[in-house]
Amino acid sequence: MAALPRRAALCLPALLIAVPVRAGGRVPPFPEWIGRTARLRSEAGDARLLLAADGSGLIAVRAFFACRPLPVLSWQIAASGQELAYRRASALVPGRVIAGTARIDPEAAALRWIEVREEMAEFEGFAAAETAGRCG
């Protein structure tokens, strides 16, 4: 095995700290999401989702280049812990409620989001609860 050059060896710890932490190919069951902000990435854009213990929550989505923090009106986790049904406010039409589901796909190590259409989202780990209202 080749030895690392001295500079590379000295910089490695800094690089490891700077690289965003990924979930390691595993999406935790939804009960582990309660009280934590999940960072999600999909082709439709990034989102942050906070499920509050009282059955409400907050989701921040990017709509037309603007970050929109939206209330999650209610959510329910299936007994398996692998499926989440929710109702949230619409980002585009005030007063409209969007119903959706999210299922953990263990084979793809991703989430299947189904609202108007089905999308795949990559789980990028958790952030502090207070970051739920931000997209970045």
Protein backbone atom coordinates (compact mmCIF):
# COMPACT_ATOMS: atom_id res chain seq x y z
CA MET A 1 0.00 0.00 0.00
CA ALA A 2 1.40 3.41 -0.97
CA ALA A 3 2.16 5.88 1.77
CA LEU A 4 0.29 9.17 1.78
CA PRO A 5 2.37 12.26 1.10
CA ARG A 6 2.98 14.23 4.31
CA ARG A 7 0.73 17.15 3.27
CA ALA A 8 -2.14 14.83 2.40
CA ALA A 9 -1.81 13.06 5.73
CA LEU A 10 -1.87 16.40 7.58
CA CYS A 11 -4.92 17.66 5.63
CA LEU A 12 -6.97 14.47 5.90
CA PRO A 13 -8.60 15.29 9.28
CA ALA A 14 -9.66 18.74 8.01
CA LEU A 15 -11.12 17.19 4.87
CA LEU A 16 -13.08 14.66 6.87
CA ILE A 17 -14.58 17.44 8.99
CA ALA A 18 -15.46 19.54 5.91
CA VAL A 19 -17.22 16.71 4.04
CA PRO A 20 -20.95 16.60 4.85
CA VAL A 21 -21.94 13.56 6.88
CA ARG A 22 -24.10 11.13 4.94
CA ALA A 23 -26.43 8.55 6.38
CA GLY A 24 -24.08 5.81 5.23
CA GLY A 25 -26.58 4.28 2.82
CA ARG A 26 -29.15 3.68 5.55
CA VAL A 27 -32.36 5.61 6.07
CA PRO A 28 -33.42 5.36 9.72
CA PRO A 29 -37.03 4.40 10.53
CA PHE A 30 -39.39 7.36 10.85
CA PRO A 31 -39.76 7.15 14.65
CA GLU A 32 -36.07 8.18 14.84
CA TRP A 33 -36.93 11.37 12.90
CA ILE A 34 -39.17 12.85 15.60
CA GLY A 35 -37.68 16.06 17.01
CA ARG A 36 -34.84 16.11 14.45
CA THR A 37 -34.54 17.89 11.12
CA ALA A 38 -34.00 15.47 8.25
CA ARG A 39 -32.01 16.80 5.30
CA LEU A 40 -33.33 15.49 1.98
CA ARG A 41 -32.07 15.93 -1.58
CA SER A 42 -33.97 15.12 -4.77
CA GLU A 43 -34.06 16.19 -8.40
CA ALA A 44 -36.97 18.48 -7.49
CA GLY A 45 -34.78 20.24 -4.91
CA ASP A 46 -33.61 20.09 -1.33
CA ALA A 47 -35.94 19.94 1.65
CA ARG A 48 -35.69 19.86 5.41
CA LEU A 49 -38.35 18.05 7.41
CA LEU A 50 -39.02 18.29 11.13
CA LEU A 51 -41.60 15.97 12.70
CA ALA A 52 -42.71 17.34 16.08
CA ALA A 53 -43.76 15.00 18.87
CA ASP A 54 -47.25 16.53 18.93
CA GLY A 55 -48.07 15.29 15.40
CA SER A 56 -47.29 18.56 13.62
CA GLY A 57 -44.07 19.71 12.01
CA LEU A 58 -42.33 21.92 9.51
CA ILE A 59 -40.99 21.34 6.02
CA ALA A 60 -38.83 23.82 4.15
CA VAL A 61 -38.95 23.44 0.37
CA ARG A 62 -37.55 25.46 -2.47
CA ALA A 63 -40.32 26.85 -4.74
CA PHE A 64 -39.39 29.13 -7.63
CA PHE A 65 -35.94 29.94 -6.24
CA ALA A 66 -37.34 30.91 -2.82
CA CYS A 67 -37.17 28.89 0.37
CA ARG A 68 -40.65 28.29 1.76
CA PRO A 69 -41.03 26.96 5.32
CA LEU A 70 -44.44 25.28 5.41
CA PRO A 71 -46.37 23.76 8.30
CA VAL A 72 -46.90 20.02 8.41
CA LEU A 73 -50.47 19.93 9.66
CA SER A 74 -50.44 16.29 10.74
CA TRP A 75 -48.46 13.12 10.27
CA GLN A 76 -48.76 9.46 11.17
CA ILE A 77 -46.13 6.72 11.09
CA ALA A 78 -47.14 3.17 10.12
CA ALA A 79 -46.53 0.43 12.70
CA SER A 80 -43.55 -0.81 10.65
CA GLY A 81 -41.84 2.59 11.02
CA GLN A 82 -41.11 2.54 7.28
CA GLU A 83 -44.03 4.66 6.01
CA LEU A 84 -45.15 8.18 6.84
CA ALA A 85 -48.51 9.71 5.87
CA TYR A 86 -48.76 13.48 6.22
CA ARG A 87 -50.73 16.61 5.38
CA ARG A 88 -48.93 19.87 4.70
CA ALA A 89 -49.69 23.37 3.44
CA SER A 90 -49.17 24.01 -0.27
CA ALA A 91 -46.16 26.09 -1.30
CA LEU A 92 -48.01 27.59 -4.25
CA VAL A 93 -51.72 27.91 -3.37
CA PRO A 94 -52.58 29.52 0.00
CA GLY A 95 -55.12 27.48 1.95
CA ARG A 96 -54.59 24.32 -0.11
CA VAL A 97 -53.61 21.17 1.78
CA ILE A 98 -51.33 18.58 0.19
CA ALA A 99 -51.62 14.95 1.31
CA GLY A 100 -48.65 12.72 0.78
CA THR A 101 -46.77 9.64 1.83
CA ALA A 102 -43.12 8.83 2.19
CA ARG A 103 -41.79 5.28 2.21
CA ILE A 104 -38.30 4.18 3.10
CA ASP A 105 -36.86 2.10 0.27
CA PRO A 106 -34.14 0.02 1.94
CA GLU A 107 -32.85 -1.40 -1.37
CA ALA A 108 -32.25 2.06 -2.83
CA ALA A 109 -31.26 3.54 0.56
CA ALA A 110 -33.63 6.41 -0.25
CA LEU A 111 -37.18 7.69 0.27
CA ARG A 112 -40.08 7.45 -2.14
CA TRP A 113 -42.14 10.64 -1.83
CA ILE A 114 -45.61 10.49 -3.29
CA GLU A 115 -47.69 13.64 -3.56
CA VAL A 116 -48.77 14.64 -7.05
CA ARG A 117 -46.16 12.30 -8.48
CA GLU A 118 -43.59 9.88 -7.12
CA GLU A 119 -40.04 11.06 -6.51
CA MET A 120 -36.95 9.61 -4.92
CA ALA A 121 -35.11 11.58 -2.27
CA GLU A 122 -31.70 10.91 -0.78
CA PHE A 123 -31.51 11.06 3.01
CA GLU A 124 -28.47 13.15 3.95
CA GLY A 125 -28.66 12.86 7.71
CA PHE A 126 -30.05 15.00 10.48
CA ALA A 127 -29.50 18.62 11.44
CA ALA A 128 -30.53 20.50 14.57
CA ALA A 129 -34.28 21.02 14.98
CA GLU A 130 -33.94 24.81 14.73
CA THR A 131 -32.65 24.51 11.13
CA ALA A 132 -35.97 23.11 9.86
CA GLY A 133 -37.12 26.44 8.41
CA ARG A 134 -34.08 26.79 6.12
CA CYS A 135 -33.46 25.18 2.74
CA GLY A 136 -29.68 25.32 2.67
